């Protein structure tokens, strides 16, 4: 299991260079009939607000459209725009990836359709690197599941005694630590 991103990323790209994984189609719906025995769920007591349907429209078609548009128009500019919240510089695909509406393979294949040199560091490579970071985290939580439970990766770091010194923090913010 890799513990460091760079060797993981190199191995990941090497494997992709040997042959892309197939982008498989969605499975056919099961013929099991309607689900009738559904247990009662506990009330969902979580602060909710009305979802913004324009920000993240629901459904696979909307996700695929967003993926296509991002890869065609914005993946090449991603390195320059991704860090500015005031502009639409990210893919806005995270929710679709998180719940499985899109797969990383779909993203890879669409990216390479629009940016065929992304694997060699060309246009689109920075967004590809972000996808690899996503897969690296998934790789880590297989071996170290405590990572997704707010636990540190390196055990001894949980014992670091952090100072709560506002003056020192302000000096650090201003680059005046000496």
Protein backbone atom coordinates (compact mmCIF):
# COMPACT_ATOMS: atom_id res chain seq x y z
CA UNK A 1 0.00 0.00 0.00
CA UNK A 2 1.35 3.39 -0.94
CA UNK A 3 1.61 5.98 1.82
CA UNK A 4 2.95 8.83 -0.33
CA UNK A 5 1.11 10.37 -3.26
CA UNK A 6 3.97 10.85 -5.75
CA UNK A 7 4.99 7.17 -6.01
CA UNK A 8 1.30 6.22 -6.14
CA UNK A 9 0.67 8.74 -8.92
CA UNK A 10 3.67 7.53 -10.94
CA UNK A 11 2.50 3.91 -10.65
CA UNK A 12 -1.06 4.96 -11.52
CA UNK A 13 0.06 6.82 -14.66
CA UNK A 14 2.38 3.96 -15.64
CA UNK A 15 -0.55 1.52 -15.46
CA UNK A 16 -2.74 3.87 -17.50
CA UNK A 17 0.05 4.08 -20.07
CA UNK A 18 0.03 0.27 -20.36
CA UNK A 19 -3.65 0.28 -21.22
CA UNK A 20 -6.74 2.20 -20.24
CA UNK A 21 -9.38 0.46 -18.15
CA UNK A 22 -12.56 -0.19 -20.06
CA UNK A 23 -15.43 2.17 -19.46
CA UNK A 24 -18.20 -0.31 -18.79
CA UNK A 25 -21.86 0.42 -19.33
CA UNK A 26 -24.36 0.62 -16.50
CA UNK A 27 -25.90 -2.67 -15.41
CA UNK A 28 -29.42 -3.47 -16.51
CA UNK A 29 -32.15 -3.00 -13.87
CA UNK A 30 -32.96 -6.13 -11.88
CA UNK A 31 -36.26 -7.90 -12.37
CA UNK A 32 -37.00 -8.27 -8.70
CA UNK A 33 -40.29 -6.42 -8.60
CA UNK A 34 -41.24 -3.67 -6.22
CA UNK A 35 -39.71 -3.51 -2.76
CA UNK A 36 -42.52 -3.93 -0.28
CA UNK A 37 -40.89 -4.73 3.07
CA UNK A 38 -39.16 -1.46 3.93
CA UNK A 39 -38.27 -0.92 7.59
CA UNK A 40 -39.22 2.37 9.22
CA UNK A 41 -36.32 4.82 9.40
CA UNK A 42 -35.45 7.02 12.33
CA UNK A 43 -36.28 10.71 11.77
CA UNK A 44 -33.56 12.56 9.91
CA UNK A 45 -32.78 15.45 12.22
CA UNK A 46 -30.22 17.44 10.27
CA UNK A 47 -30.39 21.11 9.34
CA UNK A 48 -31.52 21.26 5.74
CA UNK A 49 -31.95 23.97 3.21
CA UNK A 50 -33.64 23.81 -0.13
CA UNK A 51 -31.15 22.41 -2.64
CA UNK A 52 -30.11 24.66 -5.48
CA UNK A 53 -31.14 22.63 -8.52
CA UNK A 54 -29.11 24.91 -10.77
CA UNK A 55 -25.88 24.32 -8.84
CA UNK A 56 -26.09 20.52 -8.90
CA UNK A 57 -28.91 19.32 -11.12
CA UNK A 58 -29.92 15.76 -10.32
CA UNK A 59 -29.48 12.77 -12.55
CA UNK A 60 -27.00 10.98 -14.75
CA UNK A 61 -27.80 13.03 -17.85
CA UNK A 62 -27.04 16.27 -16.02
CA UNK A 63 -23.80 14.82 -14.64
CA UNK A 64 -22.66 13.59 -18.06
CA UNK A 65 -23.51 16.96 -19.60
CA UNK A 66 -21.48 18.76 -16.93
CA UNK A 67 -18.56 16.35 -17.44
CA UNK A 68 -18.63 16.86 -21.22
CA UNK A 69 -18.82 20.65 -20.91
CA UNK A 70 -16.04 20.80 -18.34
CA UNK A 71 -13.69 18.64 -20.39
CA UNK A 72 -14.45 20.56 -23.60
CA UNK A 73 -14.26 24.09 -22.23
CA UNK A 74 -12.55 24.26 -18.84
CA UNK A 75 -10.20 21.33 -18.15
CA UNK A 76 -7.41 23.05 -20.08
CA UNK A 77 -7.78 26.22 -17.97
CA UNK A 78 -8.17 24.30 -14.73
CA UNK A 79 -4.63 25.04 -13.40
CA UNK A 80 -5.19 28.79 -13.66
CA UNK A 81 -8.78 28.94 -12.40
CA UNK A 82 -9.24 26.18 -9.82
CA UNK A 83 -8.13 28.22 -6.80
CA UNK A 84 -10.47 31.18 -7.24
CA UNK A 85 -13.89 30.68 -5.62
CA UNK A 86 -15.32 33.80 -7.31
CA UNK A 87 -15.07 32.17 -10.73
CA UNK A 88 -16.31 28.83 -11.97
CA UNK A 89 -12.91 27.18 -12.21
CA UNK A 90 -13.60 23.69 -10.87
CA UNK A 91 -15.47 20.85 -12.49
CA UNK A 92 -18.33 20.81 -9.95
CA UNK A 93 -18.39 17.03 -10.39
CA UNK A 94 -17.55 15.99 -6.82
CA UNK A 95 -21.13 15.26 -5.73
CA UNK A 96 -21.69 13.08 -8.79
CA UNK A 97 -18.48 11.15 -8.15
CA UNK A 98 -19.18 10.86 -4.42
CA UNK A 99 -22.54 9.13 -4.86
CA UNK A 100 -21.59 7.11 -7.94
CA UNK A 101 -23.57 8.95 -10.60
CA UNK A 102 -20.24 9.30 -12.44
CA UNK A 103 -17.27 6.98 -12.21
CA UNK A 104 -13.61 8.00 -12.29
CA UNK A 105 -13.30 5.87 -15.46
CA UNK A 106 -15.98 7.95 -17.18
CA UNK A 107 -14.11 11.10 -16.19
CA UNK A 108 -10.81 9.68 -17.44
CA UNK A 109 -12.23 8.60 -20.79
CA UNK A 110 -14.02 11.90 -21.37
CA UNK A 111 -10.92 13.87 -20.40
CA UNK A 112 -8.73 11.86 -22.80
CA UNK A 113 -11.29 12.29 -25.57
CA UNK A 114 -10.93 16.06 -25.27
CA UNK A 115 -7.29 16.19 -24.09
CA UNK A 116 -5.46 13.16 -25.52
CA UNK A 117 -2.07 14.29 -24.17
CA UNK A 118 -3.20 14.57 -20.55
CA UNK A 119 -1.41 11.31 -19.62
CA UNK A 120 1.87 12.80 -20.86
CA UNK A 121 1.48 16.04 -18.91
CA UNK A 122 -0.30 18.00 -21.63
CA UNK A 123 -3.54 19.94 -21.40
CA UNK A 124 -5.92 18.38 -18.88
CA UNK A 125 -3.11 16.77 -16.84
CA UNK A 126 -3.74 18.88 -13.75
CA UNK A 127 -7.37 17.77 -13.53
CA UNK A 128 -6.27 14.19 -14.15
CA UNK A 129 -3.92 14.62 -11.19
CA UNK A 130 -6.90 15.69 -9.07
CA UNK A 131 -8.72 12.50 -10.05
CA UNK A 132 -5.63 10.52 -9.06
CA UNK A 133 -5.61 12.31 -5.67
CA UNK A 134 -9.21 11.19 -5.20
CA UNK A 135 -8.26 7.60 -5.93
CA UNK A 136 -5.21 7.86 -3.67
CA UNK A 137 -7.42 8.83 -0.74
CA UNK A 138 -9.70 5.88 -1.47
CA UNK A 139 -6.57 3.69 -1.60
CA UNK A 140 -5.48 5.00 1.82
CA UNK A 141 -8.78 4.40 3.58
CA UNK A 142 -8.76 0.75 2.51
CA UNK A 143 -5.60 0.16 4.57
CA UNK A 144 -6.18 2.85 7.19
CA UNK A 145 -9.96 3.26 7.66
CA UNK A 146 -9.41 5.50 10.68
CA UNK A 147 -8.50 8.30 8.22
CA UNK A 148 -12.15 8.88 7.42
CA UNK A 149 -12.95 9.06 11.14
CA UNK A 150 -11.01 12.25 11.87
CA UNK A 151 -7.92 10.35 13.02
CA UNK A 152 -4.38 11.25 11.94
CA UNK A 153 -2.49 9.26 9.34
CA UNK A 154 0.65 9.23 11.49
CA UNK A 155 -0.25 8.22 15.07
CA UNK A 156 2.24 10.41 16.92
CA UNK A 157 0.77 13.57 15.39
CA UNK A 158 -2.30 13.10 17.60
CA UNK A 159 -0.07 13.95 20.56
CA UNK A 160 1.24 17.25 19.17
CA UNK A 161 0.54 19.99 21.71
CA UNK A 162 -0.62 22.90 19.58
CA UNK A 163 -0.16 26.38 20.96
CA UNK A 164 -3.07 28.78 21.03
CA UNK A 165 -1.02 31.97 20.73
CA UNK A 166 -2.76 34.67 18.68
CA UNK A 167 0.39 36.79 18.36
CA UNK A 168 2.42 33.88 16.99
CA UNK A 169 -0.40 32.95 14.63
CA UNK A 170 -0.65 36.52 13.33
CA UNK A 171 3.14 36.60 12.79
CA UNK A 172 2.86 33.37 10.83
CA UNK A 173 0.02 34.79 8.74
CA UNK A 174 2.12 37.82 7.89
CA UNK A 175 5.28 35.80 7.19
CA UNK A 176 7.09 37.36 10.18
CA UNK A 177 8.17 34.27 12.10
CA UNK A 178 11.88 35.07 11.89
